[in-house]
Every structure is written in structure tokens, then in C-alpha cells.
N, C-alpha and C. Protein backbone atom coordinates (compact mmCIF):
# COMPACT_ATOMS: atom_id res chain seq x y z
N MET A 1 -6.86 19.23 32.66
CA MET A 1 -7.31 19.34 31.38
C MET A 1 -6.13 20.22 30.54
N PRO A 2 -5.63 19.18 29.40
CA PRO A 2 -4.73 20.08 28.80
C PRO A 2 -5.32 21.10 27.80
N LEU A 3 -4.30 22.09 27.76
CA LEU A 3 -4.56 23.37 26.60
C LEU A 3 -4.41 23.11 25.36
N THR A 4 -5.63 23.74 24.77
CA THR A 4 -5.68 23.61 23.39
C THR A 4 -4.74 24.25 22.35
N PRO A 5 -3.77 23.58 21.67
CA PRO A 5 -2.82 24.39 20.86
C PRO A 5 -3.48 25.54 20.19
N LEU A 6 -2.74 26.65 20.05
CA LEU A 6 -3.20 27.86 19.38
C LEU A 6 -3.85 27.67 18.13
N THR A 7 -3.19 26.84 17.19
CA THR A 7 -3.45 26.62 15.91
C THR A 7 -4.93 25.97 15.67
N ALA A 8 -4.95 25.14 16.78
CA ALA A 8 -6.24 24.27 16.77
C ALA A 8 -7.51 25.32 17.32
N ALA A 9 -7.03 26.12 18.09
CA ALA A 9 -8.19 27.06 18.76
C ALA A 9 -8.58 27.77 17.67
N ARG A 10 -7.78 28.33 16.84
CA ARG A 10 -7.91 29.33 15.88
C ARG A 10 -8.76 28.85 14.87
N MET A 11 -8.43 27.67 14.51
CA MET A 11 -9.19 27.07 13.48
C MET A 11 -10.48 26.76 14.02
N ALA A 12 -10.96 26.27 14.96
CA ALA A 12 -12.16 26.04 15.92
C ALA A 12 -12.80 27.30 15.80
N ALA A 13 -12.56 28.63 16.10
CA ALA A 13 -13.04 29.79 16.07
C ALA A 13 -13.54 30.27 14.85
N LEU A 14 -12.29 30.12 13.80
CA LEU A 14 -12.77 30.60 12.56
C LEU A 14 -13.91 29.62 11.90
N GLU A 15 -13.85 28.35 12.35
CA GLU A 15 -15.09 27.57 11.61
C GLU A 15 -16.46 27.74 12.43
N ALA A 16 -16.44 28.46 13.28
CA ALA A 16 -17.61 28.77 14.17
C ALA A 16 -18.19 29.87 13.93
N ILE A 17 -17.64 30.63 12.99
CA ILE A 17 -18.25 32.21 12.68
C ILE A 17 -18.31 32.35 11.20
N ALA A 18 -19.07 33.48 10.93
CA ALA A 18 -19.01 33.60 9.44
C ALA A 18 -19.13 35.51 9.39
N PRO A 19 -18.77 35.54 8.16
CA PRO A 19 -18.58 37.25 7.79
C PRO A 19 -20.12 37.59 7.83
N ALA A 20 -19.99 38.94 8.69
CA ALA A 20 -21.33 39.51 8.74
C ALA A 20 -21.77 40.07 7.44
N ALA A 21 -23.08 39.83 6.96
CA ALA A 21 -23.41 40.86 5.82
C ALA A 21 -23.17 42.17 5.61
N PRO A 22 -22.73 42.70 4.51
CA PRO A 22 -22.70 44.18 4.60
C PRO A 22 -24.10 44.78 4.84
N THR A 23 -24.02 46.04 5.42
CA THR A 23 -25.13 46.87 5.88
C THR A 23 -24.98 48.13 5.51
N ALA A 24 -25.86 48.87 4.70
CA ALA A 24 -26.05 50.34 4.60
C ALA A 24 -26.28 50.98 5.87
N LEU A 25 -25.37 51.86 6.36
CA LEU A 25 -25.76 52.98 7.51
C LEU A 25 -25.39 54.31 7.14
N PRO A 26 -25.97 55.27 7.95
CA PRO A 26 -25.68 56.54 7.80
C PRO A 26 -24.18 56.71 8.39
N LEU A 27 -23.38 57.64 7.96
CA LEU A 27 -22.14 57.88 8.32
C LEU A 27 -22.04 57.66 9.95
N LEU A 28 -22.87 58.72 10.43
CA LEU A 28 -22.71 58.79 12.10
C LEU A 28 -23.12 57.72 12.93
N GLU A 29 -23.73 56.46 12.16
CA GLU A 29 -23.94 55.34 13.03
C GLU A 29 -22.90 54.24 12.42
N ALA A 30 -21.97 54.84 11.77
CA ALA A 30 -21.06 53.44 11.45
C ALA A 30 -19.73 53.61 12.09
N HIS A 31 -19.74 54.30 13.53
CA HIS A 31 -18.70 54.05 13.99
C HIS A 31 -18.15 52.70 14.75
N GLY A 32 -16.94 52.33 14.47
CA GLY A 32 -16.67 51.25 14.90
C GLY A 32 -16.87 49.78 13.93
N ARG A 33 -17.48 50.26 12.79
CA ARG A 33 -17.78 49.43 11.77
C ARG A 33 -16.46 49.26 10.73
N PHE A 34 -16.50 48.27 9.88
CA PHE A 34 -15.41 48.03 8.89
C PHE A 34 -16.15 48.39 7.43
N LEU A 35 -15.40 48.90 6.63
CA LEU A 35 -15.60 49.21 5.14
C LEU A 35 -16.01 47.72 4.30
N ALA A 36 -17.05 47.63 3.86
CA ALA A 36 -17.30 46.58 2.76
C ALA A 36 -16.62 46.60 1.38
N ALA A 37 -16.71 47.99 1.20
CA ALA A 37 -16.12 48.34 -0.15
C ALA A 37 -14.96 49.35 -0.29
N ARG A 38 -14.38 49.54 -1.28
CA ARG A 38 -13.54 50.77 -1.34
C ARG A 38 -14.33 52.27 -1.11
N VAL A 39 -13.70 53.14 -0.74
CA VAL A 39 -14.20 54.34 -0.93
C VAL A 39 -13.22 55.48 -1.45
N ALA A 40 -13.75 56.40 -2.11
CA ALA A 40 -13.00 57.31 -2.77
C ALA A 40 -13.64 58.74 -2.39
N ALA A 41 -12.75 59.95 -2.18
CA ALA A 41 -13.40 61.24 -1.94
C ALA A 41 -13.42 61.62 -3.26
N SER A 42 -14.54 62.58 -3.29
CA SER A 42 -14.77 63.34 -4.74
C SER A 42 -13.76 64.31 -4.64
N ARG A 43 -13.12 64.89 -3.65
CA ARG A 43 -11.84 65.87 -3.73
C ARG A 43 -10.91 65.73 -2.70
N ALA A 44 -10.07 66.26 -2.89
CA ALA A 44 -8.82 66.01 -1.64
C ALA A 44 -9.21 66.94 -0.67
N LEU A 45 -9.28 66.84 0.77
CA LEU A 45 -9.50 67.50 1.80
C LEU A 45 -8.59 67.27 2.65
N PRO A 46 -7.91 68.42 3.58
CA PRO A 46 -8.20 69.74 3.34
C PRO A 46 -7.64 70.01 1.84
N GLY A 47 -8.10 71.35 1.45
CA GLY A 47 -7.78 71.81 -0.10
C GLY A 47 -6.23 72.46 -0.11
N CYS A 48 -5.46 72.15 0.94
CA CYS A 48 -3.97 72.84 1.01
C CYS A 48 -3.45 71.64 1.63
N ASP A 49 -1.85 71.70 1.44
CA ASP A 49 -1.23 70.74 2.06
C ASP A 49 -1.23 71.34 3.60
N ASN A 50 -1.33 70.34 4.65
CA ASN A 50 -1.52 70.82 5.76
C ASN A 50 -0.60 69.75 7.01
N SER A 51 -0.06 70.24 7.70
CA SER A 51 0.59 69.40 8.78
C SER A 51 0.44 69.84 10.26
N ALA A 52 0.00 68.77 10.97
CA ALA A 52 -0.03 69.37 12.35
C ALA A 52 1.16 69.44 13.01
N MET A 53 2.44 68.48 12.73
CA MET A 53 3.29 68.49 13.40
C MET A 53 4.41 68.62 12.21
N ASP A 54 5.54 69.07 12.60
CA ASP A 54 6.90 69.21 11.75
C ASP A 54 7.63 67.97 12.55
N GLY A 55 8.75 67.15 11.68
CA GLY A 55 9.73 66.36 12.09
C GLY A 55 9.99 65.66 11.00
N TRP A 56 10.71 64.46 11.49
CA TRP A 56 11.52 63.57 10.41
C TRP A 56 10.92 62.22 10.63
N ALA A 57 10.87 61.44 9.61
CA ALA A 57 10.66 60.02 9.74
C ALA A 57 11.53 59.22 9.00
N VAL A 58 12.14 58.22 9.70
CA VAL A 58 13.27 57.44 9.44
C VAL A 58 12.95 55.85 9.49
N ARG A 59 13.56 55.17 8.81
CA ARG A 59 13.38 53.68 8.98
C ARG A 59 14.55 52.84 10.31
N ALA A 60 13.73 52.52 10.80
CA ALA A 60 14.67 51.81 12.14
C ALA A 60 16.05 51.18 11.64
N GLU A 61 15.78 50.45 10.45
CA GLU A 61 16.93 49.51 10.02
C GLU A 61 18.12 50.50 9.39
N GLU A 62 17.74 51.61 9.07
CA GLU A 62 18.66 52.83 8.53
C GLU A 62 19.45 53.28 9.54
N THR A 63 19.19 53.10 10.94
CA THR A 63 19.63 53.85 12.22
C THR A 63 20.20 52.85 12.78
N ARG A 64 20.03 51.52 12.73
CA ARG A 64 20.86 50.43 13.63
C ARG A 64 22.23 50.79 13.50
N GLY A 65 22.79 50.63 14.84
CA GLY A 65 24.16 50.71 15.26
C GLY A 65 24.90 52.21 15.14
N ALA A 66 23.85 53.08 14.94
CA ALA A 66 24.27 54.43 14.93
C ALA A 66 24.60 54.84 16.33
N GLN A 67 25.72 55.57 16.72
CA GLN A 67 26.12 55.77 17.99
C GLN A 67 26.63 57.39 17.72
N ARG A 68 26.93 58.17 19.02
CA ARG A 68 27.14 59.34 19.00
C ARG A 68 28.54 59.57 18.10
N ASP A 69 29.44 58.84 18.16
CA ASP A 69 30.52 59.05 17.49
C ASP A 69 30.52 58.17 15.98
N ARG A 70 29.41 57.49 15.81
CA ARG A 70 29.23 56.88 14.58
C ARG A 70 28.04 57.02 14.01
N PRO A 71 27.48 58.43 13.72
CA PRO A 71 26.18 58.66 13.06
C PRO A 71 25.89 57.82 12.06
N ALA A 72 24.57 57.69 11.98
CA ALA A 72 24.04 57.00 10.64
C ALA A 72 23.91 57.99 9.61
N ARG A 73 24.23 57.85 8.20
CA ARG A 73 23.97 58.88 7.23
C ARG A 73 22.61 58.36 6.55
N LEU A 74 21.89 59.58 6.75
CA LEU A 74 20.58 59.09 5.98
C LEU A 74 20.57 59.97 4.67
N ARG A 75 19.98 59.78 3.80
CA ARG A 75 19.38 60.23 2.52
C ARG A 75 18.21 61.01 2.56
N ILE A 76 17.64 62.21 2.32
CA ILE A 76 16.15 62.68 1.97
C ILE A 76 15.65 61.95 1.00
N VAL A 77 14.39 61.23 1.03
CA VAL A 77 13.72 60.51 -0.02
C VAL A 77 12.75 61.64 -0.47
N ASP A 78 12.11 62.32 0.20
CA ASP A 78 11.01 63.11 0.10
C ASP A 78 11.09 64.14 0.95
N THR A 79 10.03 65.53 0.39
CA THR A 79 9.96 66.61 1.30
C THR A 79 8.24 66.86 1.24
N VAL A 80 7.64 67.07 2.49
CA VAL A 80 6.15 67.60 2.57
C VAL A 80 6.02 68.60 3.45
N TYR A 81 5.79 69.68 2.31
CA TYR A 81 5.73 70.99 3.06
C TYR A 81 4.31 71.22 3.45
N ALA A 82 4.41 71.87 4.78
CA ALA A 82 3.15 72.02 5.51
C ALA A 82 2.21 73.21 5.03
């Protein structure tokens, strides 16, 4: 029996299902669910800048080709204080 091409299998699966209707749930019962609407907090939490770890974030493409004898030159674009 030949295999079904991925595109055809995906289309068949999508045609066989329908999105679930939104359901209102208490927060503690919503684990594993998806939001049906945007949620915004009434205030920022925590109330102060907080960082569990210190470190750097870089884009991979900006370090491509870097070597010990030819280091990449990176510029600081932002600072986040813990």
C-alpha cells in the first residue's frame, strides 16, 4: 500500500477536525489549554526588575565564522538590569 503524501494527509486531517468552542474555566483548571482571547495583567509582576540568571544573548548569524584568532565584533543593543 503506497504512503499518503504529507500534504494530502495534512489536508485530510484538517478537514476532519473543527476548532473547539471557547470555554470559561477557573485558572487552576486551565492547565494545558490555549487562550481564546488576549489577556493583559492589571499591573506588572514582579514589581521590580528581576533576573534569575545573568548572561548574554546573541544572534547566531552575528557570530557565524568567528574563531579564536578572528573573533566576532558584537555591539550592545540593550541592557537589562536584574
